[in-house]
Amino acid sequence: MNPVPVVLVLDTNVVLDLFVYEDPATAPLRERLADARTCWLATPVMREELRRVLDYPQVVKRLVSRSLDAGAVLAAFDGRAQIVDVAPKARYTCKDGDDQKFIDLAVAHGAVLLSKDKAVLCMRKRLATLGVAIHRQWPVDLPAV
C-alpha cells in the first residue's frame, strides 16, 4: 500500500526528539519524513526557535554526548523542512503564545500537527473543526511508509 500524502507541522520538542534525542517513538515519523510524499512545513521563526533551543544547557549536554553540534541539527532541519511564510493568526488562540505559530501554520495548510505541548494538545477538538489533527507522535491511524 502506498503512503497517503500528508502535510506536517512539527513543534520544536518533536524536532528535538527526532534529531537530538533520537527518541525511538519517532522511528515511524522518521520513515515518513524520508518519503517524498510527506511535506514538513516550517517557518523562519520556527527555525530560529530551534536554533535558540539548541543552546539550552540540557540540549547542549545531549548534543555533546552524541558527538553532534547545533549546526548538524540545523542542517538536518534544513534538509527536510520546507520553509514557508508565517501563517496568519488562526481562529483559536493557544494559552501558550510560543506555540501559536505551530497552530497557525497547521490551520493555514490543513496540516497534521505533531506536538508534545499540553497547551496545544488540549486544543484537539477545536482545531479538528478547522481540519487540523493534533498528535503527540506519528499517529497509528496514519500509515507509515
Protein backbone atom coordinates (compact mmCIF):
# COMPACT_ATOMS: atom_id res chain seq x y z
CA MET A 1 0.00 0.00 0.00
CA ASN A 2 1.35 3.43 -0.93
CA PRO A 3 1.60 6.02 1.83
CA VAL A 4 -1.05 8.69 1.86
CA PRO A 5 0.40 12.13 1.01
CA VAL A 6 0.48 14.25 4.15
CA VAL A 7 1.47 17.75 5.24
CA LEU A 8 3.05 18.03 8.69
CA VAL A 9 3.92 20.75 11.16
CA LEU A 10 6.31 19.66 13.93
CA ASP A 11 6.78 21.59 17.13
CA THR A 12 10.29 22.17 18.45
CA ASN A 13 10.14 19.36 21.01
CA VAL A 14 9.27 16.84 18.31
CA VAL A 15 12.17 18.14 16.20
CA LEU A 16 14.48 17.70 19.19
CA ASP A 17 13.18 14.15 19.66
CA LEU A 18 13.97 13.43 16.01
CA PHE A 19 17.41 14.98 15.67
CA VAL A 20 18.89 15.37 19.17
CA TYR A 21 17.37 12.70 21.40
CA GLU A 22 16.58 10.11 18.70
CA ASP A 23 13.53 9.03 20.65
CA PRO A 24 12.58 5.51 19.48
CA ALA A 25 8.95 6.66 19.29
CA THR A 26 9.97 8.92 16.37
CA ALA A 27 11.07 6.00 14.16
CA PRO A 28 7.77 5.86 12.19
CA LEU A 29 7.88 9.64 11.78
CA ARG A 30 11.50 9.47 10.61
CA GLU A 31 10.47 6.89 7.98
CA ARG A 32 7.54 9.03 6.90
CA LEU A 33 9.71 12.15 6.56
CA ALA A 34 12.00 10.23 4.23
CA ASP A 35 9.08 9.73 1.83
CA ALA A 36 8.80 12.36 -0.92
CA ARG A 37 5.02 12.48 -0.48
CA THR A 38 5.43 13.87 3.01
CA CYS A 39 5.75 17.61 3.28
CA TRP A 40 7.05 19.05 6.57
CA LEU A 41 6.28 22.76 6.73
CA ALA A 42 8.13 25.24 8.92
CA THR A 43 8.72 28.97 9.04
CA PRO A 44 11.87 31.01 9.58
CA VAL A 45 10.55 31.79 13.09
CA MET A 46 10.34 28.07 13.88
CA ARG A 47 13.88 27.53 12.65
CA GLU A 48 15.10 30.41 14.81
CA GLU A 49 13.36 28.92 17.85
CA LEU A 50 15.14 25.62 17.21
CA ARG A 51 18.47 27.43 16.87
CA ARG A 52 17.89 29.16 20.19
CA VAL A 53 16.79 25.96 21.99
CA LEU A 54 19.90 24.15 20.77
CA ASP A 55 21.86 26.47 23.09
CA TYR A 56 19.95 25.35 26.21
CA PRO A 57 22.37 23.61 28.63
CA GLN A 58 20.40 20.34 28.76
CA VAL A 59 20.28 20.18 24.96
CA VAL A 60 23.98 21.05 24.60
CA LYS A 61 24.77 18.23 27.04
CA ARG A 62 22.87 15.75 24.88
CA LEU A 63 24.50 17.06 21.69
CA VAL A 64 27.95 16.60 23.23
CA SER A 65 27.10 13.08 24.43
CA ARG A 66 26.12 12.16 20.86
CA SER A 67 29.08 13.95 19.24
CA LEU A 68 26.70 16.32 17.48
CA ASP A 69 26.63 20.07 17.24
CA ALA A 70 23.86 22.57 16.67
CA GLY A 71 24.95 23.03 13.07
CA ALA A 72 24.31 19.37 12.29
CA VAL A 73 20.82 19.55 13.76
CA LEU A 74 20.03 22.72 11.84
CA ALA A 75 21.36 21.09 8.66
CA ALA A 76 19.02 18.12 9.23
CA PHE A 77 16.14 20.55 9.76
CA ASP A 78 17.07 22.48 6.61
CA GLY A 79 17.35 19.27 4.61
CA ARG A 80 13.86 18.07 5.47
CA ALA A 81 11.64 21.04 6.30
CA GLN A 82 10.08 23.18 3.60
CA ILE A 83 10.31 26.80 4.74
CA VAL A 84 7.15 28.81 4.07
CA ASP A 85 5.86 32.22 5.10
CA VAL A 86 4.49 32.80 8.59
CA ALA A 87 0.79 31.96 8.59
CA PRO A 88 -1.97 34.37 9.60
CA LYS A 89 -3.42 34.03 13.09
CA ALA A 90 -5.84 31.10 13.38
CA ARG A 91 -9.35 31.49 14.78
CA TYR A 92 -8.34 29.79 18.04
CA THR A 93 -5.67 31.05 20.41
CA CYS A 94 -3.31 28.83 22.36
CA LYS A 95 -2.76 29.54 26.06
CA ASP A 96 0.98 29.37 25.38
CA GLY A 97 1.76 32.16 22.94
CA ASP A 98 5.03 30.47 21.92
CA ASP A 99 3.00 27.61 20.43
CA GLN A 100 0.60 29.76 18.41
CA LYS A 101 2.91 29.76 15.37
CA PHE A 102 2.59 25.97 15.03
CA ILE A 103 -1.19 26.11 15.28
CA ASP A 104 -1.43 28.97 12.79
CA LEU A 105 0.70 27.14 10.24
CA ALA A 106 -1.18 23.85 10.65
CA VAL A 107 -4.53 25.60 10.23
CA ALA A 108 -3.38 27.60 7.20
CA HIS A 109 -2.21 24.43 5.41
CA GLY A 110 -4.63 21.83 6.80
CA ALA A 111 -1.62 20.02 8.22
CA VAL A 112 -1.23 17.32 10.84
CA LEU A 113 0.35 18.97 13.88
CA LEU A 114 2.74 16.90 15.99
CA SER A 115 3.25 18.41 19.42
CA LYS A 116 4.02 17.26 22.94
CA ASP A 117 2.90 20.56 24.47
CA LYS A 118 -0.12 20.26 26.77
CA ALA A 119 -1.40 23.70 25.77
CA VAL A 120 -1.55 22.51 22.15
CA LEU A 121 -2.86 19.01 22.85
CA CYS A 122 -5.83 20.38 24.78
CA MET A 123 -6.93 22.18 21.59
CA ARG A 124 -7.52 18.94 19.64
CA LYS A 125 -11.30 19.22 19.42
CA ARG A 126 -11.37 22.89 18.50
CA LEU A 127 -8.69 22.53 15.83
CA ALA A 128 -10.37 19.43 14.42
CA THR A 129 -13.26 21.71 13.44
CA LEU A 130 -10.73 23.56 11.27
CA GLY A 131 -9.40 20.39 9.66
CA VAL A 132 -6.28 20.03 11.82
CA ALA A 133 -5.38 16.78 13.55
CA ILE A 134 -3.05 17.03 16.55
CA HIS A 135 -0.98 14.10 17.79
CA ARG A 136 1.90 13.60 20.26
CA GLN A 137 3.77 11.39 17.79
CA TRP A 138 3.23 9.82 14.39
CA PRO A 139 -0.34 8.54 14.79
CA VAL A 140 -1.12 4.87 14.37
CA ASP A 141 -4.16 5.72 12.26
CA LEU A 142 -1.99 7.25 9.53
CA PRO A 143 0.02 4.74 7.51
CA ALA A 144 3.79 4.66 7.78
CA VAL A 145 5.96 4.11 4.73
